[in-house]
C-alpha cells in the first residue's frame, strides 16, 4: 500500500492565486489532466493512473 497523493503525481497541475502585484501563491487545489480534466486536492489519494513526478533537482 502506498501513501502517494495527487500532489506527487506528474499528471497533477496545482492552482495558484494572485497574492499582490506580480506574485502568486499556491493553493491546496488543482486538476488532473489524465485522461481528462478532473478537480483534485493535493491530499487526494492517488488513483490507478498515478505516475510519480520527477524531481526538479
Protein backbone atom coordinates (compact mmCIF):
# COMPACT_ATOMS: atom_id res chain seq x y z
CA UNK A 1 0.00 0.00 0.00
CA UNK A 2 1.43 3.37 -0.97
CA UNK A 3 0.98 6.81 0.53
CA UNK A 4 1.04 8.58 -2.83
CA UNK A 5 -1.20 11.61 -3.31
CA UNK A 6 -2.16 13.73 -6.28
CA UNK A 7 0.47 16.30 -5.25
CA UNK A 8 3.28 13.87 -6.16
CA UNK A 9 1.74 12.76 -9.48
CA UNK A 10 3.09 14.06 -12.79
CA UNK A 11 -0.47 14.49 -14.12
CA UNK A 12 -1.45 16.93 -11.32
CA UNK A 13 -1.31 20.67 -12.01
CA UNK A 14 -1.52 22.90 -8.94
CA UNK A 15 -3.57 26.10 -8.99
CA UNK A 16 -2.28 29.50 -7.83
CA UNK A 17 -3.89 32.77 -6.75
CA UNK A 18 -2.54 36.26 -7.18
CA UNK A 19 -1.03 37.48 -3.94
CA UNK A 20 -0.16 41.10 -4.62
CA UNK A 21 1.35 42.68 -7.67
CA UNK A 22 3.09 40.05 -9.84
CA UNK A 23 3.21 37.48 -7.03
CA UNK A 24 1.40 34.16 -6.93
CA UNK A 25 0.78 31.76 -4.05
CA UNK A 26 0.00 28.04 -4.40
CA UNK A 27 -3.32 26.77 -3.06
CA UNK A 28 -4.27 23.25 -2.00
CA UNK A 29 -6.33 22.61 -5.13
CA UNK A 30 -5.55 21.81 -8.74
CA UNK A 31 -6.52 19.49 -11.53
CA UNK A 32 -5.53 16.16 -13.02
CA UNK A 33 -5.03 16.12 -16.76
CA UNK A 34 -5.02 12.37 -17.43
CA UNK A 35 -7.03 11.19 -19.28
CA UNK A 36 -9.40 14.15 -18.88
CA UNK A 37 -9.59 17.17 -16.55
CA UNK A 38 -10.70 16.39 -13.01
CA UNK A 39 -10.65 18.70 -9.97
CA UNK A 40 -8.38 17.41 -7.21
CA UNK A 41 -6.84 18.49 -3.91
CA UNK A 42 -3.17 17.96 -3.04
CA UNK A 43 -4.08 15.43 -0.34
CA UNK A 44 -6.37 13.31 -2.56
CA UNK A 45 -5.17 9.67 -2.58
CA UNK A 46 -3.57 8.75 -5.89
CA UNK A 47 -5.69 6.91 -8.46
CA UNK A 48 -4.74 3.99 -10.73
CA UNK A 49 -3.31 6.48 -13.29
CA UNK A 50 -0.66 7.66 -10.79
CA UNK A 51 2.83 8.26 -12.17
CA UNK A 52 5.50 9.67 -9.86
CA UNK A 53 6.59 13.23 -10.69
CA UNK A 54 10.30 13.52 -11.49
CA UNK A 55 12.39 15.62 -9.13
CA UNK A 56 13.38 19.13 -10.28
CA UNK A 57 16.90 18.62 -8.97
